[in-house]
Protein backbone atom coordinates (compact mmCIF):
# COMPACT_ATOMS: atom_id res chain seq x y z
CA MET A 1 114.06 93.60 111.52
CA ALA A 2 111.11 94.68 108.99
CA ASP A 3 112.05 96.78 105.60
CA PHE A 4 109.79 98.30 103.13
CA ASN A 5 110.79 99.37 99.41
CA LEU A 6 109.36 102.37 98.27
CA VAL A 7 109.03 102.03 94.18
CA MET A 8 108.82 104.51 91.88
CA PRO A 9 104.88 104.82 91.19
CA LYS A 10 102.75 104.62 87.90
CA LEU A 11 102.02 108.26 87.22
CA GLY A 12 99.94 107.43 84.07
CA GLU A 13 99.61 105.75 81.51
CA SER A 14 102.50 105.57 78.96
CA VAL A 15 104.29 106.81 82.18
CA GLN A 16 107.32 104.28 82.51
CA GLU A 17 109.92 106.71 83.97
CA ALA A 18 110.31 109.85 86.13
CA THR A 19 112.58 112.20 87.63
CA ILE A 20 113.75 112.83 91.14
CA THR A 21 113.43 116.32 91.83
CA ARG A 22 113.54 117.05 95.45
CA TRP A 23 113.76 114.65 98.79
CA LEU A 24 112.43 115.95 101.28
CA VAL A 25 113.79 113.72 103.85
CA LYS A 26 117.45 111.90 104.37
CA PRO A 27 119.03 108.70 105.86
CA GLY A 28 118.12 108.58 109.81
CA ASP A 29 114.77 110.51 109.44
CA VAL A 30 111.66 108.87 111.03
CA ILE A 31 108.72 109.36 109.51
CA GLU A 32 104.99 109.34 109.96
CA GLU A 33 102.78 107.94 107.25
CA ASP A 34 101.18 110.06 104.42
CA ALA A 35 104.90 112.48 105.07
CA VAL A 36 105.84 113.34 101.91
CA LEU A 37 109.17 111.85 101.46
CA LEU A 38 110.31 113.77 97.65
CA GLU A 39 108.84 115.54 95.02
CA ILE A 40 109.00 113.79 91.28
CA ALA A 41 108.32 115.02 87.73
CA THR A 42 107.42 113.59 84.44
CA ASP A 43 106.37 114.62 80.89
CA LYS A 44 102.56 114.75 82.08
CA VAL A 45 103.02 116.32 86.29
CA ASP A 46 104.74 117.34 88.91
CA SER A 47 104.15 115.50 92.40
CA GLU A 48 104.66 115.07 95.85
CA ILE A 49 105.34 110.86 97.02
CA PRO A 50 103.86 110.78 100.59
CA SER A 51 105.06 107.73 102.50
CA PRO A 52 102.52 104.45 102.69
CA VAL A 53 104.38 103.45 105.73
CA ALA A 54 105.77 105.00 109.34
CA GLY A 55 109.27 104.33 110.37
CA LYS A 56 112.69 104.87 109.51
CA VAL A 57 114.43 106.20 106.37
CA LEU A 58 117.49 103.68 106.03
CA LYS A 59 118.33 104.48 102.15
CA ILE A 60 117.98 106.26 99.21
CA LEU A 61 118.72 104.92 96.65
CA PHE A 62 118.63 107.54 93.90
CA ALA A 63 119.80 111.52 93.74
CA GLU A 64 118.27 114.32 92.74
CA ASN A 65 117.89 114.59 89.24
CA ALA A 66 117.64 110.80 88.65
CA LEU A 67 115.54 109.52 85.82
CA VAL A 68 114.30 106.19 87.46
CA PRO A 69 112.07 103.81 85.73
CA VAL A 70 108.18 103.23 87.37
CA GLY A 71 108.49 100.17 89.70
CA GLU A 72 112.30 100.90 90.95
CA VAL A 73 113.22 100.67 94.53
CA ILE A 74 114.11 104.51 95.42
CA ALA A 75 114.42 103.91 99.22
CA VAL A 76 114.18 101.46 101.84
CA ILE A 77 112.38 102.43 105.40
CA ASN A 78 112.09 100.21 108.34
CA THR A 79 108.66 99.85 109.52
CA GLU A 80 110.13 99.33 113.09
CA GLY A 81 112.15 102.67 113.18
CA GLN A 82 115.03 100.52 114.43
CA GLY A 83 117.16 100.23 111.01
CA GLU A 84 120.73 101.09 111.59
CA VAL A 85 122.09 103.76 109.00
CA SER A 86 125.67 102.81 107.22
CA GLU A 87 127.98 105.11 106.53
CA ASN A 88 128.02 104.74 103.13
CA GLN A 89 123.68 105.51 102.87
CA GLU A 90 124.06 108.73 104.14
CA LYS A 91 125.12 110.50 100.60
CA PRO A 92 122.79 109.18 97.84
CA GLN A 93 124.34 108.03 94.71
CA ALA A 94 122.82 109.13 91.54
CA LYS A 95 122.99 105.50 90.55
CA GLU A 96 121.93 104.01 87.09
CA SER A 97 118.56 101.75 87.53
CA LYS A 98 118.77 97.76 88.39
CA PRO A 99 117.54 95.34 85.41
CA VAL A 100 113.50 95.45 85.44
CA ALA A 101 110.91 93.81 83.10
CA ALA A 102 111.37 95.17 79.63
CA GLU A 103 107.33 96.54 79.60
CA THR A 104 108.67 98.70 82.66
CA THR A 105 111.53 100.46 80.77
CA GLN A 106 110.25 102.73 77.13
CA ALA A 107 112.56 104.75 75.07
CA LYS A 108 110.84 107.25 74.14
CA SER A 109 110.33 108.68 70.62
CA THR A 110 111.90 112.16 70.45
CA ALA A 111 112.68 114.70 67.84
CA GLY A 112 116.06 116.24 67.15
CA ALA A 113 119.09 114.26 65.68
CA GLY A 114 120.06 111.32 67.50
CA GLU A 115 116.74 110.16 68.70
CA LEU A 116 115.04 106.68 68.61
CA LYS A 117 112.38 106.23 65.39
CA THR A 118 109.36 104.05 66.74
CA ALA A 119 108.68 101.08 64.58
CA SER A 120 105.63 100.70 63.12
CA ASN A 121 105.63 97.10 65.07
CA GLN A 122 105.80 99.08 68.18
CA PRO A 123 103.48 99.17 70.62
CA ALA A 124 101.26 102.77 70.79
CA ASP A 125 103.22 104.48 73.42
CA GLY A 126 106.48 103.84 71.71
CA ALA A 127 107.91 100.50 74.05
CA ILE A 128 110.62 98.61 73.04
CA THR A 129 109.08 95.05 73.14
CA ASP A 130 113.18 93.37 73.16
CA GLU A 131 113.10 90.45 76.29
CA PRO A 132 114.00 91.68 79.65
CA SER A 133 117.99 91.52 79.89
CA THR A 134 119.79 89.57 83.25
CA GLY A 135 123.05 89.78 84.49
CA THR A 136 125.27 92.10 86.78
CA GLN A 137 125.77 94.86 83.67
CA GLY A 138 121.81 95.17 82.65
CA GLY A 139 122.32 91.98 80.91
CA ASN A 140 124.54 90.57 78.12
CA PHE A 141 122.31 91.25 74.79
CA ASP A 142 125.11 89.46 72.52
CA GLU A 143 127.64 87.19 72.62
CA GLU A 144 130.08 90.12 72.76
CA ALA A 145 129.13 92.01 75.45
CA GLY A 146 132.32 93.68 76.98
CA GLU A 147 134.32 92.58 79.77
CA SER A 148 134.19 96.16 81.52
CA ASP A 149 132.48 96.26 85.32
CA ARG A 150 130.23 99.48 84.21
CA PHE A 151 126.22 99.16 84.95
CA TYR A 152 124.19 99.73 82.25
CA SER A 153 120.59 100.79 83.13
CA PRO A 154 117.75 99.00 81.39
CA LEU A 155 116.74 101.90 79.08
CA VAL A 156 120.30 102.06 77.98
CA MET A 157 120.31 98.21 77.17
CA SER A 158 117.07 98.43 75.59
CA ILE A 159 118.34 101.37 72.69
CA ALA A 160 121.87 99.23 72.60
CA ARG A 161 119.45 96.18 71.65
CA LYS A 162 117.50 97.77 69.14
CA GLU A 163 120.53 99.32 67.42
CA LYS A 164 122.24 96.18 67.36
CA ILE A 165 124.92 97.90 69.34
CA SER A 166 127.44 95.48 70.70
CA GLY A 167 128.93 94.88 74.02
CA ALA A 168 132.33 96.29 73.27
CA GLU A 169 130.90 99.29 71.35
CA LEU A 170 129.11 100.25 74.25
CA ASP A 171 132.10 99.48 76.47
CA SER A 172 134.02 102.44 74.25
CA ILE A 173 131.00 105.39 74.55
CA LYS A 174 131.93 108.25 77.20
CA GLY A 175 129.52 108.18 79.79
CA THR A 176 128.54 111.86 81.05
CA GLY A 177 126.30 110.05 84.14
CA GLU A 178 127.92 109.49 87.70
CA ASN A 179 131.29 107.41 87.39
CA GLY A 180 131.03 107.91 83.76
CA ARG A 181 128.01 105.72 83.54
CA VAL A 182 126.13 105.46 79.98
CA ARG A 183 123.17 108.04 79.94
CA LYS A 184 120.67 108.17 77.54
CA GLN A 185 121.44 111.07 76.22
CA ASP A 186 125.34 109.79 75.45
CA ILE A 187 124.23 106.79 73.69
CA LEU A 188 121.32 108.63 71.28
CA LYS A 189 124.58 110.89 70.82
CA TYR A 190 127.01 107.99 69.97
CA LEU A 191 124.18 106.92 67.89
CA GLU A 192 123.84 110.28 65.56
CA GLN A 193 127.98 110.34 65.29
CA ARG A 194 127.61 107.06 64.19
CA SER A 195 125.31 107.60 61.54
CA ASN A 196 127.14 110.38 60.05
CA GLN A 197 129.90 108.06 59.74
CA PRO A 198 130.84 106.35 56.48
CA ALA A 199 129.32 102.97 55.72
CA GLN A 200 132.41 101.15 55.76
CA ALA A 201 133.08 102.60 58.97
CA LYS A 202 129.77 101.95 60.26
CA GLN A 203 131.39 98.56 62.19
CA ASP A 204 131.78 97.89 65.76
CA THR A 205 135.15 97.19 67.56
CA THR A 206 134.56 93.17 67.39
CA ALA A 207 133.81 93.58 63.15
CA LYS A 208 130.08 93.16 64.11
CA ALA A 209 128.50 95.47 60.59
CA VAL A 210 125.68 97.57 61.31
CA PRO A 211 123.46 98.15 58.81
CA ALA A 212 124.43 100.64 55.68
CA ASP A 213 121.89 101.80 54.86
CA ARG A 214 119.74 102.48 57.99
CA PRO A 215 118.09 106.47 57.35
CA ALA A 216 120.23 108.91 59.55
CA PRO A 217 117.63 110.23 62.12
CA ALA A 218 116.15 113.56 61.12
CA LYS A 219 117.65 116.68 61.57
CA VAL A 220 116.93 120.57 60.55
CA ASN A 221 119.55 122.87 60.88
CA VAL A 222 118.65 126.10 62.12
CA SER A 223 120.60 129.49 62.26
CA ALA A 224 120.21 132.15 64.91
CA MET A 225 120.24 135.61 63.16
CA ALA A 226 120.99 139.13 64.64
CA GLY A 227 118.63 140.07 66.46
CA ASP A 228 117.17 136.85 67.77
CA GLU A 229 116.27 135.68 70.74
CA ILE A 230 117.28 131.64 71.83
CA VAL A 231 114.77 130.21 74.82
CA GLN A 232 115.60 127.03 75.78
CA MET A 233 112.94 124.56 76.45
CA ASP A 234 112.37 124.06 79.86
CA ARG A 235 111.91 120.11 80.71
CA MET A 236 107.97 119.72 80.19
CA ARG A 237 108.03 121.92 76.94
CA LYS A 238 110.91 119.16 75.81
CA MET A 239 108.46 115.89 77.14
CA ILE A 240 105.70 117.60 75.10
CA ALA A 241 107.69 118.00 71.97
CA ASP A 242 108.73 114.44 72.45
CA HIS A 243 105.71 112.81 73.33
CA MET A 244 104.02 114.89 69.92
CA VAL A 245 106.78 113.60 68.05
CA MET A 246 106.42 110.00 69.17
CA SER A 247 102.58 110.22 68.17
CA LYS A 248 103.10 111.54 64.76
CA GLN A 249 105.35 108.17 64.70
CA VAL A 250 103.42 106.04 65.78
CA SER A 251 99.72 106.81 64.35
CA PRO A 252 98.63 107.25 61.08
CA HIS A 253 96.43 110.67 61.59
CA VAL A 254 93.50 111.07 59.35
CA THR A 255 90.72 114.24 60.24
CA ASN A 256 87.42 114.59 59.93
CA PHE A 257 85.20 117.93 59.89
CA VAL A 258 81.63 119.01 60.84
CA GLU A 259 79.32 121.86 60.99
CA ALA A 260 76.60 121.21 64.11
CA ASP A 261 74.05 123.92 64.72
CA VAL A 262 74.57 124.49 68.54
CA THR A 263 71.18 126.61 68.65
CA ASN A 264 69.28 125.11 71.34
CA LEU A 265 72.73 124.42 73.34
CA ALA A 266 73.66 128.09 73.04
CA LEU A 267 70.40 129.51 74.33
CA TRP A 268 70.25 126.96 76.61
CA ARG A 269 73.12 127.67 78.81
CA GLU A 270 72.44 131.59 78.24
CA LYS A 271 68.97 130.64 80.36
CA VAL A 272 70.74 128.94 83.37
CA LYS A 273 74.42 130.07 83.80
CA ASP A 274 73.55 132.82 86.14
CA SER A 275 71.35 130.75 87.88
CA PHE A 276 73.80 127.88 87.94
CA ALA A 277 76.65 129.58 88.67
CA LYS A 278 74.86 131.08 91.77
CA ARG A 279 73.66 127.74 92.94
CA GLU A 280 76.95 126.06 92.30
CA LYS A 281 79.51 128.48 92.70
CA ILE A 282 81.14 127.78 89.61
CA LYS A 283 80.49 129.10 86.14
CA LEU A 284 78.72 127.01 83.50
CA THR A 285 80.48 127.01 80.05
CA PHE A 286 80.09 124.66 76.77
CA MET A 287 82.84 122.06 77.77
CA PRO A 288 80.29 120.19 79.95
CA ALA A 289 77.74 119.80 77.43
CA PHE A 290 80.55 118.09 74.82
CA LEU A 291 81.85 115.77 77.18
CA GLU A 292 78.03 114.56 77.53
CA ALA A 293 77.90 114.28 74.03
CA THR A 294 81.44 112.51 73.77
CA ALA A 295 80.92 110.28 76.42
CA LYS A 296 77.52 109.33 74.86
CA ALA A 297 79.01 109.04 71.46
CA LEU A 298 81.71 106.96 73.25
CA ARG A 299 79.48 104.24 74.53
CA GLU A 300 77.61 103.43 71.16
CA TYR A 301 80.87 103.33 69.52
CA PRO A 302 83.30 101.68 71.72
CA GLY A 303 86.36 101.25 68.72
CA VAL A 304 86.75 104.46 69.17
CA ASN A 305 87.08 104.51 73.11
CA ALA A 306 90.56 101.99 72.65
CA SER A 307 94.35 101.71 72.36
CA VAL A 308 96.47 99.63 69.97
CA ASP A 309 98.93 97.44 71.35
CA GLY A 310 100.63 95.73 68.65
CA ASP A 311 98.23 93.58 66.93
CA LYS A 312 96.02 93.95 69.70
CA ILE A 313 93.31 96.33 69.78
CA ILE A 314 92.21 97.23 73.63
CA LEU A 315 88.75 97.97 73.89
CA ARG A 316 88.18 100.48 77.07
CA LYS A 317 85.52 99.42 79.57
CA ASN A 318 85.23 103.06 81.36
CA ILE A 319 85.22 106.05 79.36
CA ASN A 320 87.49 108.54 80.76
CA ILE A 321 87.67 112.23 79.07
CA GLY A 322 90.80 113.81 79.12
CA PHE A 323 91.18 117.40 78.48
CA ALA A 324 93.78 119.76 77.40
CA VAL A 325 94.28 122.59 79.98
CA ALA A 326 96.56 125.72 78.91
CA LEU A 327 99.10 126.92 81.74
CA LYS A 328 100.43 130.16 82.60
CA ASN A 329 103.46 128.97 81.58
CA GLY A 330 102.47 128.59 77.83
CA ASN A 331 102.46 124.05 78.74
CA LEU A 332 99.50 121.96 78.47
CA ILE A 333 98.53 119.41 80.73
CA VAL A 334 95.44 116.88 80.09
CA PRO A 335 93.78 115.93 83.35
CA VAL A 336 91.18 113.05 82.56
CA LEU A 337 87.73 113.15 83.72
CA LYS A 338 86.94 109.45 84.89
CA ASN A 339 83.89 107.63 84.14
CA ALA A 340 82.28 111.01 82.30
CA ASP A 341 79.33 108.68 80.95
CA GLN A 342 78.02 107.96 84.93
CA LYS A 343 77.85 111.68 86.00
CA SER A 344 74.98 114.59 85.76
CA MET A 345 75.60 117.69 83.36
CA VAL A 346 76.18 119.35 87.28
CA GLY A 347 78.48 116.42 87.92
CA LEU A 348 80.32 116.79 84.93
CA ALA A 349 80.41 120.76 85.25
CA VAL A 350 81.69 120.19 89.17
CA GLU A 351 84.75 117.51 88.11
CA LEU A 352 85.48 119.67 85.22
CA ASN A 353 85.99 122.95 87.29
CA ARG A 354 87.98 120.67 90.15
CA LEU A 355 90.25 119.79 87.64
CA SER A 356 90.95 122.55 85.72
CA GLU A 357 91.74 124.60 88.93
CA ALA A 358 93.69 121.82 90.05
CA ALA A 359 95.85 121.75 86.57
CA ARG A 360 96.21 125.63 86.80
CA ASN A 361 97.51 125.67 90.96
CA SER A 362 99.86 122.86 89.78
CA SER A 363 97.90 120.71 92.25
CA LEU A 364 96.75 117.51 90.26
CA SER A 365 97.17 114.37 91.96
CA PRO A 366 98.81 111.38 89.93
CA ASP A 367 95.46 110.24 89.34
CA ASP A 368 94.08 112.95 87.89
CA ILE A 369 96.27 112.70 84.59
CA GLN A 370 96.07 108.81 83.98
CA GLY A 371 93.46 106.30 82.68
CA GLY A 372 92.51 108.52 80.47
CA THR A 373 90.61 106.88 77.27
CA PHE A 374 89.67 109.89 75.07
CA THR A 375 90.97 113.41 74.73
CA ILE A 376 88.89 116.58 73.75
CA SER A 377 90.89 119.84 72.45
CA ASN A 378 88.73 123.10 73.10
CA PHE A 379 90.36 125.30 70.14
CA GLY A 380 87.30 127.47 71.03
CA THR A 381 88.77 128.67 74.22
CA PHE A 382 90.79 131.25 72.22
CA ARG A 383 88.24 132.10 69.80
CA ASN A 384 89.76 129.23 67.16
CA ILE A 385 87.05 128.17 64.53
CA THR A 386 88.93 124.61 64.48
CA GLY A 387 92.24 122.05 64.74
CA THR A 388 93.50 119.25 64.29
CA PRO A 389 95.21 117.95 67.32
CA ILE A 390 97.73 114.83 67.45
CA ILE A 391 96.31 111.75 69.37
CA ASN A 392 96.88 111.73 72.51
CA GLN A 393 99.24 108.27 72.76
CA PRO A 394 98.31 105.31 73.80
CA GLN A 395 94.57 106.43 72.82
CA VAL A 396 93.52 106.68 69.03
CA ALA A 397 91.59 109.80 68.63
CA ILE A 398 91.20 113.16 70.02
CA LEU A 399 87.95 115.44 69.48
CA ALA A 400 88.39 119.27 68.67
CA THR A 401 85.66 121.48 69.45
CA GLY A 402 85.74 125.36 67.86
CA ASN A 403 84.28 128.19 68.50
CA ILE A 404 80.83 129.07 68.61
CA GLU A 405 79.63 131.62 66.43
CA LYS A 406 76.23 133.15 64.69
CA LYS A 407 76.21 132.78 61.35
CA PRO A 408 73.58 132.94 58.28
CA ALA A 409 71.67 129.37 58.02
CA VAL A 410 68.88 128.42 55.34
CA ILE A 411 66.31 127.16 57.71
CA GLU A 412 63.58 124.23 56.37
CA THR A 413 60.03 125.60 57.18
CA PRO A 414 56.06 123.98 56.57
CA THR A 415 55.87 127.08 54.60
CA GLY A 416 59.35 127.13 52.78
CA ASP A 417 63.01 128.05 53.37
CA VAL A 418 63.99 130.81 55.41
CA ILE A 419 67.75 132.16 56.31
CA ALA A 420 67.74 132.76 60.00
CA ILE A 421 70.51 133.69 62.71
CA ARG A 422 72.25 130.30 64.25
CA HIS A 423 74.50 129.49 66.65
CA LYS A 424 77.05 127.26 64.51
CA MET A 425 80.62 125.51 65.26
CA ILE A 426 82.99 123.22 63.86
CA LEU A 427 84.11 119.61 65.01
CA SER A 428 86.70 117.80 64.35
CA LEU A 429 88.19 114.37 64.77
CA SER A 430 91.88 112.92 65.02
CA TYR A 431 92.16 109.41 64.86
CA ASP A 432 94.58 106.37 64.29
CA HIS A 433 93.59 105.03 60.84
CA ARG A 434 95.38 101.80 61.60
CA VAL A 435 92.38 101.02 63.70
CA VAL A 436 89.68 103.65 63.10
CA ASP A 437 88.54 103.76 59.38
CA GLY A 438 86.50 106.56 57.62
CA ALA A 439 82.81 105.35 58.24
CA LEU A 440 83.61 104.54 61.86
CA GLY A 441 85.48 107.98 62.35
CA GLY A 442 82.86 109.66 60.82
CA MET A 443 79.38 107.92 62.22
CA PHE A 444 81.32 108.48 65.85
CA LEU A 445 81.86 112.08 64.80
CA ARG A 446 78.49 113.22 63.26
CA ARG A 447 76.36 111.13 66.22
CA ILE A 448 78.19 113.69 68.72
CA ALA A 449 77.15 116.43 66.39
CA ASP A 450 73.35 115.30 66.63
CA ILE A 451 73.59 114.91 70.15
CA LEU A 452 74.98 118.41 70.26
CA GLU A 453 71.78 120.04 68.30
CA GLN A 454 69.25 117.87 69.55
CA PHE A 455 70.22 119.23 72.61
CA ASP A 456 66.52 120.01 75.19
CA ILE A 457 66.15 123.69 75.64
CA ASN A 458 64.00 123.22 78.59
CA ARG A 459 66.15 120.94 80.20
CA GLU A 460 66.84 121.13 84.56
CA VAL A 461 70.46 121.49 85.70
């Protein structure tokens, strides 16, 4: 009998876990290759997962709403279609994951009390880098591990190691998961409560001391007043919030600004936009020109097209530019335009339109939102003059493009200076000062402005 293990796929760089939102099959179902098996959700995208093989579903290892690490087996399919389904496989269990390599399990730094702070020597994506655990309980992470038969997920074990929680102390935590299992929120709540205890009480049941000078997690006490409306964050907004806080903790942000005279670009677009729309059936915006200029500058300044892994700098070969898209529900998503430096203006416009439409229609594929090496946030869409966006980890910089406005400007001519009406815009670059210094950031941003200012008004498209 040939069994195929279906694993949780990687749905984006820095994404290390996903939530199963709905199973579309059950044990015993016979499926075709490419049939959709389940729907999953991450902080970046909701996606359907098709079956890579045909056969019979033997086991479903995680129930709906389970949070599963990337690479974990979530179902077993018999490719001969003849496997027996045992009685205890009929109902999926919301079980915790089995031990996996440390690099496939991440603890996300998040806002609010009890959340983990990302240390300065952690990878840019917030991964916990302790060695992987072993053993039937997810690993004995110290010599005083508990003797109970409780199962702990790799994520819980990683947090416990990071916070120096002994096995006996871990066994004492009340779990809210299936069969009383300890979930991420349980251990974080426990850490919050422990941080609020007097220093002398911060010792576990085995008298293993916890440092008394550990700073308490940041927390803002907010009281609702009469007439206030309380709106619960949805899953995507909470994950965006977590990701933004993590990025600010990981990267020391610095922002530079330049003003660019984009008169030639504005006049060119006005001249060709109608014929372009008639021929290509899509609207020509300024964004393809911003993408083109950014891709050229990234090729010239590879230090900005990079990521940080501990004390290593990864210079990316490909130039894959993400761009923020506002969704109808108020959230943001960042599709990625791959190999932007290899595409023509028409190619950039067509792919930009495809990804934008897919984002708004919630039909982005997992490949559409992963592999980004740099990001652009277009504040000009909302007629804002500029902004200081937060770096999209694990990248090291993000460009903001502001609204293009007509302004009076002093122009040098052979017969003297004159005041003329020009199309101006503000560009800003927020960058990770660990690896991008002011000189590199400044030259890179100035180069983008120069490319836009030197745009050929007679260019064919």
